[in-house]
């Protein structure tokens, strides 16, 4: 069968053009390959950026690129461990670990299937925690040894902090895009999903105060305002949905200054504890979160009882003196402080409220909030040597010993026994009264 003349002429023309423009054709071929590769790599980013609406979320606080809030860090990366709902460490980047040398050495075996957002495989050499008194030595691609200066059984909870490569590249389901800075503070940042799922991109904007954040919500700059202390001012602002949830990582607490002679008697502190009126939040029974694996239920309860308060106070020097107390607090807790002061005054202990901007050097009673660490270790708050963080000045030899043992014991069941004893003794001694877990609110604009 013969080839038609027109086909032969077309073939000769193509051959001649190929000879004449060989360099351009080869260059165009490789450019096409490169652009195809770029499109394949950036398609998830482009599709979510231009075709899916962005969630616009507001947060209150001042953060730098190295101190981003946990809610963002957890979306961008993970740590060697992760924390379960009860605060116990569970595998994350590390598939397993073991403690040796009485808790001074931890050996982590890392997963081999994890990749950074850059596409690079995660190895032990990438782990860059900077923890005082800890030396990290990789002994292979997937084995990391942590040498501690002192035994510290809660160490696996410290390495639950997400890790990053330079440029804030992580391992999580989102990656950080553009960051807008004002001075050294992050004004806003963009998160993009790292896969081809239909996850929406997110834009976080940060505000110095709740008042500014609420104004931004009203002006339409954001569609969601997360974790604020009160929805007042926007609760009736159009079609919105309000989610209220309890913050078990924080306890509003009444601290007694143990150096003050008016409060040195345990019966005084217990009497005042029974004189605190019922408050409309979930009660906290001890300094350890009731969601923790170490929480002890069977501690002394200080339910509101004016009769028990009067009985105890009558046995103290307050019954024979005209003692007065000053209750120091911050603006956020002024209403609660006034309720407590009124109840104590009704018991015969005249109490005035003083609003502060910082913890006074020589307060009598302080109403404030304390963050609850995920591990039950309470050494910084209650050990007698911790003069900067033990705000009550509490000193008790038995409590000191329990706190020392608790951070050295490696067996969780034995640690639970230690911290149960610690909670019972501390609540009985009442250098502080653990009042309640505060509520947080997230406000979303209706669709």
Protein backbone atom coordinates (compact mmCIF):
# COMPACT_ATOMS: atom_id res chain seq x y z
CA UNK A 1 0.00 0.00 0.00
CA UNK A 2 1.45 3.40 -1.03
CA UNK A 3 1.47 6.51 1.20
CA UNK A 4 -0.59 9.38 -0.19
CA UNK A 5 1.47 12.23 -1.62
CA UNK A 6 -0.07 14.80 0.78
CA UNK A 7 1.02 12.74 3.80
CA UNK A 8 4.59 12.47 2.48
CA UNK A 9 4.75 16.23 1.94
CA UNK A 10 3.47 16.87 5.53
CA UNK A 11 6.06 14.46 6.93
CA UNK A 12 8.90 16.20 5.02
CA UNK A 13 7.72 19.60 6.31
CA UNK A 14 7.69 18.32 9.93
CA UNK A 15 11.19 16.83 9.55
CA UNK A 16 12.53 20.07 8.11
CA UNK A 17 10.94 22.17 10.89
CA UNK A 18 12.33 19.78 13.50
CA UNK A 19 15.84 20.21 12.06
CA UNK A 20 15.52 23.97 11.94
CA UNK A 21 14.00 24.42 15.45
CA UNK A 22 15.56 21.49 17.30
CA UNK A 23 16.85 23.63 20.18
CA UNK A 24 13.48 25.38 20.69
CA UNK A 25 11.55 22.12 20.57
CA UNK A 26 13.82 20.40 23.11
CA UNK A 27 13.67 23.44 25.39
CA UNK A 28 9.90 23.56 25.10
CA UNK A 29 9.66 19.85 25.91
CA UNK A 30 11.62 20.23 29.15
CA UNK A 31 9.74 23.40 30.10
CA UNK A 32 6.51 21.49 29.62
CA UNK A 33 7.75 18.68 31.83
CA UNK A 34 8.80 21.18 34.49
CA UNK A 35 5.47 23.01 34.42
CA UNK A 36 3.59 19.70 34.64
CA UNK A 37 5.65 18.76 37.72
CA UNK A 38 5.02 22.16 39.32
CA UNK A 39 1.29 21.91 38.63
CA UNK A 40 1.18 18.40 40.11
CA UNK A 41 2.95 19.61 43.26
CA UNK A 42 0.99 22.82 43.71
CA UNK A 43 -2.45 21.65 42.65
CA UNK A 44 -3.68 21.01 46.24
CA UNK A 45 -2.47 24.46 47.29
CA UNK A 46 -3.93 26.19 44.23
CA UNK A 47 -7.25 24.36 44.41
CA UNK A 48 -7.79 25.15 48.10
CA UNK A 49 -6.57 28.73 47.69
CA UNK A 50 -8.82 29.67 44.81
CA UNK A 51 -11.76 27.28 44.86
CA UNK A 52 -12.54 26.68 48.55
CA UNK A 53 -13.67 29.47 50.90
CA UNK A 54 -11.24 30.40 53.67
CA UNK A 55 -12.22 30.04 57.32
CA UNK A 56 -11.54 33.41 58.96
CA UNK A 57 -10.81 32.87 62.66
CA UNK A 58 -9.93 35.39 65.34
CA UNK A 59 -7.78 34.64 68.42
CA UNK A 60 -6.91 36.86 71.36
CA UNK A 61 -3.27 37.09 72.38
CA UNK A 62 0.20 38.30 71.43
CA UNK A 63 2.28 35.64 69.67
CA UNK A 64 5.55 35.52 67.78
CA UNK A 65 6.36 33.01 64.99
CA UNK A 66 8.16 30.86 67.59
CA UNK A 67 5.33 30.98 70.16
CA UNK A 68 2.25 30.31 68.07
CA UNK A 69 -0.80 29.10 70.05
CA UNK A 70 -1.12 25.37 70.59
CA UNK A 71 -4.25 25.11 68.44
CA UNK A 72 -2.18 26.19 65.41
CA UNK A 73 0.97 24.23 66.24
CA UNK A 74 -1.05 21.02 66.55
CA UNK A 75 -2.48 21.47 63.05
CA UNK A 76 0.92 22.07 61.49
CA UNK A 77 3.10 19.46 63.19
CA UNK A 78 3.44 16.82 65.90
CA UNK A 79 5.98 15.92 68.56
CA UNK A 80 7.79 12.76 69.53
CA UNK A 81 4.75 12.00 71.65
CA UNK A 82 1.17 13.19 71.82
CA UNK A 83 -1.09 13.60 74.85
CA UNK A 84 -4.23 11.56 75.38
CA UNK A 85 -7.38 13.05 76.89
CA UNK A 86 -6.19 12.20 80.41
CA UNK A 87 -2.77 13.80 79.89
CA UNK A 88 -0.79 10.58 79.44
CA UNK A 89 1.85 10.54 76.65
CA UNK A 90 1.13 8.28 73.66
CA UNK A 91 3.17 7.55 70.49
CA UNK A 92 3.38 10.16 67.74
CA UNK A 93 6.68 10.60 65.84
CA UNK A 94 8.13 8.09 68.27
CA UNK A 95 6.52 4.66 68.03
CA UNK A 96 7.91 3.70 71.44
CA UNK A 97 10.32 4.77 74.18
CA UNK A 98 11.92 3.44 77.32
CA UNK A 99 13.45 5.03 80.38
CA UNK A 100 16.74 3.82 81.83
CA UNK A 101 19.31 5.01 84.35
CA UNK A 102 16.59 5.70 86.96
CA UNK A 103 14.79 8.14 84.68
CA UNK A 104 17.86 10.11 83.54
CA UNK A 105 17.94 8.53 80.06
CA UNK A 106 15.08 8.11 77.59
CA UNK A 107 15.49 6.15 74.34
CA UNK A 108 12.98 6.98 71.60
CA UNK A 109 12.41 4.75 68.58
CA UNK A 110 10.97 6.85 65.77
CA UNK A 111 8.63 5.93 62.95
CA UNK A 112 10.23 5.58 59.53
CA UNK A 113 7.21 6.59 57.43
CA UNK A 114 6.89 10.27 58.38
CA UNK A 115 7.71 13.14 56.02
CA UNK A 116 8.12 16.87 56.44
CA UNK A 117 6.04 19.24 54.36
CA UNK A 118 9.13 19.64 52.18
CA UNK A 119 8.94 15.97 51.23
CA UNK A 120 12.04 15.06 53.26
CA UNK A 121 11.79 12.00 55.51
CA UNK A 122 11.81 12.73 59.23
CA UNK A 123 14.90 11.42 61.01
CA UNK A 124 16.25 11.59 64.55
CA UNK A 125 18.73 14.25 63.39
CA UNK A 126 15.82 16.65 62.73
CA UNK A 127 14.53 16.70 66.32
CA UNK A 128 15.51 20.08 67.72
CA UNK A 129 14.02 20.46 71.20
CA UNK A 130 15.83 23.00 73.34
CA UNK A 131 15.18 21.85 76.91
CA UNK A 132 17.41 23.03 79.72
CA UNK A 133 19.40 20.20 81.29
CA UNK A 134 18.65 17.80 78.41
CA UNK A 135 21.05 16.61 75.71
CA UNK A 136 19.60 14.92 72.61
CA UNK A 137 21.85 12.46 70.74
CA UNK A 138 20.66 10.68 67.57
CA UNK A 139 22.27 7.22 67.34
CA UNK A 140 20.79 6.37 63.96
CA UNK A 141 18.19 7.56 61.49
CA UNK A 142 15.35 6.57 63.77
CA UNK A 143 16.80 6.32 67.29
CA UNK A 144 17.12 9.31 69.60
CA UNK A 145 18.54 9.27 73.13
CA UNK A 146 17.75 12.02 75.64
CA UNK A 147 20.21 12.42 78.50
CA UNK A 148 18.77 14.32 81.47
CA UNK A 149 20.78 16.05 84.17
CA UNK A 150 18.31 14.82 86.80
CA UNK A 151 15.66 12.07 86.82
CA UNK A 152 12.37 13.40 85.50
CA UNK A 153 9.59 10.91 84.87
CA UNK A 154 7.23 13.42 83.11
CA UNK A 155 9.82 13.98 80.35
CA UNK A 156 7.73 12.22 77.63
CA UNK A 157 5.04 14.90 78.11
CA UNK A 158 7.59 17.64 77.37
CA UNK A 159 8.38 16.18 73.94
CA UNK A 160 4.70 16.28 72.96
CA UNK A 161 5.49 19.80 71.77
CA UNK A 162 5.34 19.86 67.94
CA UNK A 163 8.67 20.02 66.11
CA UNK A 164 9.46 22.17 63.07
CA UNK A 165 12.11 22.62 60.41
CA UNK A 166 13.27 26.15 59.57
CA UNK A 167 10.50 28.07 57.85
CA UNK A 168 7.90 26.50 60.16
CA UNK A 169 7.69 23.36 58.03
CA UNK A 170 5.98 20.60 59.97
CA UNK A 171 4.41 17.19 59.56
CA UNK A 172 0.72 17.85 60.18
CA UNK A 173 -2.36 18.14 57.96
CA UNK A 174 -1.84 21.90 57.44
CA UNK A 175 1.13 23.99 56.42
CA UNK A 176 1.73 27.64 57.18
CA UNK A 177 1.48 30.03 54.26
CA UNK A 178 1.86 33.78 54.45
CA UNK A 179 2.56 35.33 57.87
CA UNK A 180 1.89 39.01 58.43
CA UNK A 181 3.96 40.58 61.20
CA UNK A 182 3.63 43.79 63.19
CA UNK A 183 6.95 44.33 64.89
CA UNK A 184 7.81 40.90 66.27
CA UNK A 185 4.18 39.87 66.73
CA UNK A 186 2.09 37.82 64.33
CA UNK A 187 -0.84 39.86 63.05
CA UNK A 188 -2.27 37.11 60.85
CA UNK A 189 -1.28 33.84 59.19
CA UNK A 190 -2.68 31.47 56.60
CA UNK A 191 -2.95 27.68 56.90
CA UNK A 192 -3.34 25.45 53.84
CA UNK A 193 -4.13 21.70 53.82
CA UNK A 194 -1.21 19.54 52.75
CA UNK A 195 -3.24 16.92 50.89
CA UNK A 196 -5.96 16.89 48.22
CA UNK A 197 -8.80 16.69 50.74
CA UNK A 198 -11.60 19.22 50.83
CA UNK A 199 -10.29 20.80 54.03
CA UNK A 200 -10.77 24.53 53.92
CA UNK A 201 -7.79 26.87 54.20
CA UNK A 202 -7.78 28.90 57.40
CA UNK A 203 -6.79 32.47 58.13
CA UNK A 204 -6.04 33.34 61.76
CA UNK A 205 -6.03 36.97 62.86
CA UNK A 206 -4.74 37.95 66.30
CA UNK A 207 -6.07 40.71 68.54
CA UNK A 208 -4.59 42.23 71.69
CA UNK A 209 -7.90 42.26 73.60
CA UNK A 210 -11.30 40.61 73.47
CA UNK A 211 -12.89 44.01 72.88
CA UNK A 212 -10.86 44.48 69.68
CA UNK A 213 -11.64 40.93 68.57
CA UNK A 214 -15.37 41.44 69.12
CA UNK A 215 -15.26 44.68 67.13
CA UNK A 216 -13.54 42.83 64.27
CA UNK A 217 -16.29 40.20 64.37
CA UNK A 218 -18.95 42.90 64.15
CA UNK A 219 -17.14 44.57 61.25
CA UNK A 220 -17.03 41.27 59.34
CA UNK A 221 -13.24 40.86 59.41
CA UNK A 222 -13.62 37.37 60.91
CA UNK A 223 -16.39 34.78 60.91
CA UNK A 224 -15.31 32.92 64.04
CA UNK A 225 -14.00 34.14 67.39
CA UNK A 226 -12.43 31.28 69.34
CA UNK A 227 -11.95 30.72 73.07
CA UNK A 228 -13.07 34.03 74.54
CA UNK A 229 -14.05 34.41 78.19
CA UNK A 230 -17.46 35.96 77.51
CA UNK A 231 -19.72 36.46 74.46
CA UNK A 232 -21.21 39.64 75.91
CA UNK A 233 -21.55 42.37 73.32
CA UNK A 234 -21.91 39.98 70.40
CA UNK A 235 -24.30 37.34 71.80
CA UNK A 236 -27.23 39.01 70.01
CA UNK A 237 -25.29 40.20 66.97
CA UNK A 238 -27.25 38.79 64.05
CA UNK A 239 -27.33 35.13 63.10
CA UNK A 240 -24.59 33.53 65.20
CA UNK A 241 -23.91 30.24 66.96
CA UNK A 242 -22.23 30.17 70.39
CA UNK A 243 -20.39 27.08 71.63
CA UNK A 244 -19.68 27.04 75.38
CA UNK A 245 -17.12 24.61 76.75
CA UNK A 246 -15.20 24.07 79.99
CA UNK A 247 -11.48 24.77 80.06
CA UNK A 248 -10.00 21.95 82.13
CA UNK A 249 -6.48 23.28 81.59
CA UNK A 250 -7.05 26.23 83.93
CA UNK A 251 -8.34 26.53 87.50
CA UNK A 252 -9.62 29.73 89.09
CA UNK A 253 -8.08 29.59 92.55
CA UNK A 254 -8.13 31.45 95.84
CA UNK A 255 -4.56 31.70 97.16
CA UNK A 256 -3.79 32.43 100.83
CA UNK A 257 -0.54 34.17 101.74
CA UNK A 258 0.93 31.66 104.20
CA UNK A 259 3.36 34.29 105.52
CA UNK A 260 0.49 36.48 106.72
CA UNK A 261 -0.22 35.98 110.47
CA UNK A 262 -3.97 36.36 109.94
CA UNK A 263 -3.94 33.28 107.69
CA UNK A 264 -1.34 31.05 109.34
CA UNK A 265 -4.00 29.01 111.19
CA UNK A 266 -5.38 26.13 109.11
CA UNK A 267 -8.79 26.49 110.79
CA UNK A 268 -9.01 30.08 109.47
CA UNK A 269 -8.34 28.97 105.92
CA UNK A 270 -10.76 26.05 106.13
CA UNK A 271 -13.43 28.26 107.68
CA UNK A 272 -13.06 30.78 104.89
CA UNK A 273 -13.21 27.93 102.36
CA UNK A 274 -16.58 26.76 103.71
CA UNK A 275 -17.74 30.37 103.53
CA UNK A 276 -17.31 30.65 99.75
CA UNK A 277 -20.75 30.76 98.08
CA UNK A 278 -21.74 28.38 95.31
CA UNK A 279 -20.49 29.56 91.92
CA UNK A 280 -22.05 28.76 88.52
CA UNK A 281 -19.13 26.77 87.12
CA UNK A 282 -17.81 23.23 87.44
CA UNK A 283 -16.07 22.89 90.80
CA UNK A 284 -12.38 21.97 90.90
CA UNK A 285 -11.46 19.71 93.80
CA UNK A 286 -7.67 19.83 93.65
CA UNK A 287 -4.82 21.46 91.69
CA UNK A 288 -4.80 18.52 89.26
CA UNK A 289 -7.40 18.54 86.48
CA UNK A 290 -10.30 16.16 86.99
CA UNK A 291 -9.59 14.85 83.47
CA UNK A 292 -6.10 13.69 84.50
CA UNK A 293 -5.22 10.05 85.07
CA UNK A 294 -3.86 11.13 88.48
CA UNK A 295 -6.92 13.04 89.72
CA UNK A 296 -8.06 12.00 93.21
CA UNK A 297 -11.79 12.17 93.92
CA UNK A 298 -11.66 11.37 97.61
CA UNK A 299 -10.24 14.64 98.90
CA UNK A 300 -11.84 16.99 101.40
CA UNK A 301 -14.76 18.92 99.90
CA UNK A 302 -15.43 22.53 100.85
CA UNK A 303 -19.09 22.78 99.86
CA UNK A 304 -20.70 26.07 100.88
CA UNK A 305 -21.73 25.84 104.55
CA UNK A 306 -22.05 29.06 106.59
CA UNK A 307 -22.66 26.92 109.69
CA UNK A 308 -19.41 24.96 109.30
CA UNK A 309 -17.56 28.16 108.41
CA UNK A 310 -18.82 29.89 111.59
CA UNK A 311 -17.97 26.86 113.74
CA UNK A 312 -14.38 26.77 112.52
CA UNK A 313 -13.83 30.51 112.62
CA UNK A 314 -15.08 30.69 116.23
CA UNK A 315 -12.12 28.52 117.27
CA UNK A 316 -9.60 30.97 115.82
CA UNK A 317 -8.17 34.35 116.78
CA UNK A 318 -10.52 35.97 114.23
CA UNK A 319 -13.40 35.43 116.66
CA UNK A 320 -11.78 37.66 119.28
CA UNK A 321 -10.30 40.37 117.03
CA UNK A 322 -11.65 42.85 114.55
CA UNK A 323 -9.55 41.36 111.78
CA UNK A 324 -10.07 42.56 108.24
CA UNK A 325 -9.00 40.91 105.00
CA UNK A 326 -8.12 42.33 101.61
CA UNK A 327 -8.99 40.14 98.65
CA UNK A 328 -6.80 41.05 95.66
CA UNK A 329 -7.88 40.07 92.18
CA UNK A 330 -7.84 41.05 88.51
CA UNK A 331 -10.62 42.69 86.47
CA UNK A 332 -11.73 39.38 84.92
CA UNK A 333 -12.61 37.97 88.37
CA UNK A 334 -13.99 41.10 90.03
CA UNK A 335 -17.61 39.86 90.19
CA UNK A 336 -16.56 36.56 91.81
CA UNK A 337 -14.29 38.38 94.27
CA UNK A 338 -17.15 40.65 95.33
CA UNK A 339 -19.42 37.65 95.96
CA UNK A 340 -16.77 35.99 98.13
CA UNK A 341 -16.04 39.22 100.01
CA UNK A 342 -19.74 39.73 100.75
CA UNK A 343 -20.09 36.15 102.06
CA UNK A 344 -17.02 36.47 104.31
CA UNK A 345 -18.19 39.83 105.62
CA UNK A 346 -21.53 38.24 106.49
CA UNK A 347 -19.60 35.69 108.56
CA UNK A 348 -18.05 38.51 110.57
CA UNK A 349 -14.75 38.76 108.69
CA UNK A 350 -14.86 42.16 107.01
CA UNK A 351 -13.37 41.78 103.53
CA UNK A 352 -12.59 44.41 100.92
CA UNK A 353 -11.75 43.80 97.27
CA UNK A 354 -8.74 45.35 95.59
CA UNK A 355 -8.28 45.16 91.81
CA UNK A 356 -4.67 44.68 90.67
CA UNK A 357 -2.79 44.66 87.38
CA UNK A 358 -0.11 42.28 88.70
CA UNK A 359 0.27 39.94 91.66
CA UNK A 360 0.95 42.14 94.72
CA UNK A 361 4.18 41.44 96.55
CA UNK A 362 2.46 41.12 99.93
CA UNK A 363 -1.17 40.22 99.30
CA UNK A 364 -3.38 38.58 101.92
CA UNK A 365 -5.80 36.62 99.72
CA UNK A 366 -5.48 36.45 95.94
CA UNK A 367 -8.16 35.38 93.47
CA UNK A 368 -6.55 34.42 90.18
CA UNK A 369 -6.21 31.52 87.75
CA UNK A 370 -3.51 28.92 87.38
CA UNK A 371 -2.75 26.88 84.29
CA UNK A 372 -2.83 23.12 84.86
CA UNK A 373 0.05 21.19 83.25
CA UNK A 374 -0.89 17.93 81.47
CA UNK A 375 1.30 15.90 83.82
CA UNK A 376 0.35 15.86 87.53
CA UNK A 377 3.80 17.15 88.51
CA UNK A 378 3.07 20.20 90.69
CA UNK A 379 6.63 20.79 91.89
CA UNK A 380 6.93 24.39 90.60
CA UNK A 381 3.75 25.50 92.37
CA UNK A 382 4.02 23.89 95.81
CA UNK A 383 7.60 22.86 96.59
CA UNK A 384 9.09 25.10 99.28
CA UNK A 385 12.20 25.86 97.18
CA UNK A 386 10.21 27.40 94.31
CA UNK A 387 10.06 30.97 95.57
CA UNK A 388 9.12 32.50 92.21
CA UNK A 389 6.20 30.20 91.32
CA UNK A 390 5.00 29.06 94.77
CA UNK A 391 2.93 32.23 95.19
CA UNK A 392 1.50 31.27 98.60
CA UNK A 393 4.90 30.69 100.18
CA UNK A 394 3.63 27.29 101.33
CA UNK A 395 6.25 25.02 102.93
CA UNK A 396 5.57 21.48 104.08
CA UNK A 397 8.21 18.77 104.43
CA UNK A 398 5.84 15.92 103.55
CA UNK A 399 4.48 17.74 100.51
CA UNK A 400 8.05 18.46 99.38
CA UNK A 401 8.93 14.76 99.62
CA UNK A 402 5.84 13.67 97.67
CA UNK A 403 6.59 16.17 94.91
CA UNK A 404 10.21 15.00 94.72
CA UNK A 405 9.17 11.33 94.58
CA UNK A 406 6.42 11.97 92.04
CA UNK A 407 8.76 13.38 89.41
CA UNK A 408 11.25 10.54 89.83
CA UNK A 409 8.92 7.54 89.93
CA UNK A 410 8.59 5.90 86.49
CA UNK A 411 5.70 3.54 87.19
CA UNK A 412 2.39 5.31 86.51
CA UNK A 413 0.39 3.36 89.10
CA UNK A 414 2.93 4.20 91.80
CA UNK A 415 2.91 7.83 90.66
CA UNK A 416 -0.87 7.88 91.00
CA UNK A 417 -0.60 6.73 94.62
CA UNK A 418 1.94 9.50 95.30
CA UNK A 419 -0.21 12.22 93.74
CA UNK A 420 -3.36 10.98 95.45
CA UNK A 421 -1.59 11.43 98.80
CA UNK A 422 -0.31 14.82 97.65
CA UNK A 423 -3.81 16.04 96.73
CA UNK A 424 -5.36 14.84 99.98
CA UNK A 425 -2.73 16.54 102.12
CA UNK A 426 -2.66 19.79 100.14
CA UNK A 427 -6.45 20.19 100.08
CA UNK A 428 -6.60 19.44 103.80
CA UNK A 429 -3.92 22.02 104.53
CA UNK A 430 -5.72 24.49 102.24
CA UNK A 431 -2.98 26.98 101.33
CA UNK A 432 -5.30 27.57 98.38
CA UNK A 433 -8.91 26.79 97.54
CA UNK A 434 -9.43 25.41 94.04
CA UNK A 435 -12.71 26.97 92.95
CA UNK A 436 -13.71 26.15 89.39
CA UNK A 437 -12.78 25.49 85.79
CA UNK A 438 -13.65 28.58 83.72
CA UNK A 439 -15.83 28.40 80.63
CA UNK A 440 -14.68 29.48 77.18
CA UNK A 441 -16.86 30.51 74.27
CA UNK A 442 -16.45 30.20 70.52
CA UNK A 443 -18.72 32.44 68.44
CA UNK A 444 -19.42 31.61 64.78
CA UNK A 445 -21.31 33.57 62.22
CA UNK A 446 -24.36 31.74 60.88
CA UNK A 447 -24.56 30.67 57.25
